[in-house]
């Protein structure tokens, strides 16, 4: 039964990691994206890592594979944006 909860938590953390980034592309979501970044620039990345860890302990089978893959995509996207924010906006 606990593996089911781990899978649910993995999905919730995936949504929490990706939603501010995806919502930042819309007119109404820009404020949400700025609010998340004001807390910490690493927050979506942390949520993605937590989702990945919970996915590893979740239900086996296609659900586990899907959650692991989705969380890896979320981590990659968040890591790319953190990399751009830290090193891409430096002026020479």
C-alpha atoms as a PDB file:
ATOM      1  CA  UNK A   1       0.000   0.000   0.000  1.00  0.00           C
ATOM      2  CA  UNK A   2       2.860   2.420   0.684  1.00  0.00           C
ATOM      3  CA  UNK A   3       4.190   1.971  -2.843  1.00  0.00           C
ATOM      4  CA  UNK A   4       0.913   3.396  -4.104  1.00  0.00           C
ATOM      5  CA  UNK A   5       1.427   6.493  -1.951  1.00  0.00           C
ATOM      6  CA  UNK A   6       4.986   6.867  -3.224  1.00  0.00           C
ATOM      7  CA  UNK A   7       3.690   6.835  -6.789  1.00  0.00           C
ATOM      8  CA  UNK A   8       1.049   9.433  -5.954  1.00  0.00           C
ATOM      9  CA  UNK A   9       3.656  11.639  -4.261  1.00  0.00           C
ATOM     10  CA  UNK A  10       5.908  11.251  -7.292  1.00  0.00           C
ATOM     11  CA  UNK A  11       3.136  12.494  -9.573  1.00  0.00           C
ATOM     12  CA  UNK A  12       2.358  15.407  -7.261  1.00  0.00           C
ATOM     13  CA  UNK A  13       6.009  16.462  -7.101  1.00  0.00           C
ATOM     14  CA  UNK A  14       6.261  16.196 -10.892  1.00  0.00           C
ATOM     15  CA  UNK A  15       3.298  18.529 -11.280  1.00  0.00           C
ATOM     16  CA  UNK A  16       4.751  20.922  -8.704  1.00  0.00           C
ATOM     17  CA  UNK A  17       8.089  20.905 -10.551  1.00  0.00           C
ATOM     18  CA  UNK A  18       6.758  21.433 -14.068  1.00  0.00           C
ATOM     19  CA  UNK A  19       3.645  23.570 -13.525  1.00  0.00           C
ATOM     20  CA  UNK A  20       5.430  26.857 -12.690  1.00  0.00           C
ATOM     21  CA  UNK A  21       7.679  26.458 -15.734  1.00  0.00           C
ATOM     22  CA  UNK A  22       4.814  25.663 -18.099  1.00  0.00           C
ATOM     23  CA  UNK A  23       2.580  28.318 -16.544  1.00  0.00           C
ATOM     24  CA  UNK A  24       5.372  30.848 -17.012  1.00  0.00           C
ATOM     25  CA  UNK A  25       4.751  30.624 -20.738  1.00  0.00           C
ATOM     26  CA  UNK A  26       1.226  32.001 -20.389  1.00  0.00           C
ATOM     27  CA  UNK A  27       0.036  35.516 -19.574  1.00  0.00           C
ATOM     28  CA  UNK A  28      -1.696  34.484 -16.350  1.00  0.00           C
ATOM     29  CA  UNK A  29       1.093  32.231 -15.129  1.00  0.00           C
ATOM     30  CA  UNK A  30       3.980  34.669 -15.269  1.00  0.00           C
ATOM     31  CA  UNK A  31       3.215  35.905 -11.754  1.00  0.00           C
ATOM     32  CA  UNK A  32       3.216  32.300 -10.495  1.00  0.00           C
ATOM     33  CA  UNK A  33       6.590  31.665 -12.104  1.00  0.00           C
ATOM     34  CA  UNK A  34       8.059  34.828 -10.587  1.00  0.00           C
ATOM     35  CA  UNK A  35       6.634  33.935  -7.161  1.00  0.00           C
ATOM     36  CA  UNK A  36       8.251  30.483  -7.279  1.00  0.00           C
ATOM     37  CA  UNK A  37      11.570  31.954  -8.368  1.00  0.00           C
ATOM     38  CA  UNK A  38      11.400  34.539  -5.582  1.00  0.00           C
ATOM     39  CA  UNK A  39      11.296  31.665  -3.074  1.00  0.00           C
ATOM     40  CA  UNK A  40      14.240  29.858  -4.678  1.00  0.00           C
ATOM     41  CA  UNK A  41      15.528  29.354  -8.188  1.00  0.00           C
ATOM     42  CA  UNK A  42      16.202  25.719  -7.266  1.00  0.00           C
ATOM     43  CA  UNK A  43      12.671  24.930  -6.041  1.00  0.00           C
ATOM     44  CA  UNK A  44      11.396  23.244  -9.255  1.00  0.00           C
ATOM     45  CA  UNK A  45      14.643  21.267  -9.413  1.00  0.00           C
ATOM     46  CA  UNK A  46      14.231  20.106  -5.813  1.00  0.00           C
ATOM     47  CA  UNK A  47      10.630  19.054  -6.496  1.00  0.00           C
ATOM     48  CA  UNK A  48      11.801  17.116  -9.551  1.00  0.00           C
ATOM     49  CA  UNK A  49      14.464  15.261  -7.579  1.00  0.00           C
ATOM     50  CA  UNK A  50      11.970  14.420  -4.833  1.00  0.00           C
ATOM     51  CA  UNK A  51       9.512  13.155  -7.464  1.00  0.00           C
ATOM     52  CA  UNK A  52      12.243  11.008  -8.999  1.00  0.00           C
ATOM     53  CA  UNK A  53      13.152   9.494  -5.610  1.00  0.00           C
ATOM     54  CA  UNK A  54       9.522   8.703  -4.835  1.00  0.00           C
ATOM     55  CA  UNK A  55       9.104   7.217  -8.332  1.00  0.00           C
ATOM     56  CA  UNK A  56      11.944   4.789  -7.678  1.00  0.00           C
ATOM     57  CA  UNK A  57      10.107   3.464  -4.613  1.00  0.00           C
ATOM     58  CA  UNK A  58       6.668   3.459  -6.251  1.00  0.00           C
ATOM     59  CA  UNK A  59       4.533   0.824  -7.936  1.00  0.00           C
ATOM     60  CA  UNK A  60       6.460  -1.399 -10.340  1.00  0.00           C
ATOM     61  CA  UNK A  61       5.615  -1.722 -14.003  1.00  0.00           C
ATOM     62  CA  UNK A  62       4.567   0.855 -16.548  1.00  0.00           C
ATOM     63  CA  UNK A  63       3.557   3.337 -13.852  1.00  0.00           C
ATOM     64  CA  UNK A  64       7.053   3.348 -12.382  1.00  0.00           C
ATOM     65  CA  UNK A  65       8.683   3.692 -15.788  1.00  0.00           C
ATOM     66  CA  UNK A  66       6.414   6.561 -16.751  1.00  0.00           C
ATOM     67  CA  UNK A  67       6.949   8.426 -13.492  1.00  0.00           C
ATOM     68  CA  UNK A  68      10.710   7.993 -13.642  1.00  0.00           C
ATOM     69  CA  UNK A  69      10.810   9.214 -17.236  1.00  0.00           C
ATOM     70  CA  UNK A  70       8.539  12.197 -16.553  1.00  0.00           C
ATOM     71  CA  UNK A  71      10.557  13.227 -13.517  1.00  0.00           C
ATOM     72  CA  UNK A  72      13.815  12.950 -15.470  1.00  0.00           C
ATOM     73  CA  UNK A  73      12.340  15.261 -18.106  1.00  0.00           C
ATOM     74  CA  UNK A  74      11.257  17.684 -15.358  1.00  0.00           C
ATOM     75  CA  UNK A  75      14.704  17.587 -13.737  1.00  0.00           C
ATOM     76  CA  UNK A  76      16.397  18.152 -17.100  1.00  0.00           C
ATOM     77  CA  UNK A  77      14.185  21.123 -17.908  1.00  0.00           C
ATOM     78  CA  UNK A  78      14.675  22.665 -14.478  1.00  0.00           C
ATOM     79  CA  UNK A  79      18.432  22.064 -14.528  1.00  0.00           C
ATOM     80  CA  UNK A  80      18.677  23.668 -17.973  1.00  0.00           C
ATOM     81  CA  UNK A  81      16.797  26.756 -16.799  1.00  0.00           C
ATOM     82  CA  UNK A  82      18.935  27.010 -13.640  1.00  0.00           C
ATOM     83  CA  UNK A  83      22.072  26.711 -15.785  1.00  0.00           C
ATOM     84  CA  UNK A  84      20.870  29.507 -18.066  1.00  0.00           C
ATOM     85  CA  UNK A  85      19.914  31.680 -15.092  1.00  0.00           C
ATOM     86  CA  UNK A  86      23.276  31.254 -13.384  1.00  0.00           C
ATOM     87  CA  UNK A  87      25.705  31.295 -16.309  1.00  0.00           C
ATOM     88  CA  UNK A  88      23.721  32.658 -19.253  1.00  0.00           C
ATOM     89  CA  UNK A  89      22.996  36.120 -17.918  1.00  0.00           C
ATOM     90  CA  UNK A  90      26.544  37.031 -16.905  1.00  0.00           C
ATOM     91  CA  UNK A  91      27.893  40.082 -18.633  1.00  0.00           C
ATOM     92  CA  UNK A  92      31.487  40.126 -19.780  1.00  0.00           C
END
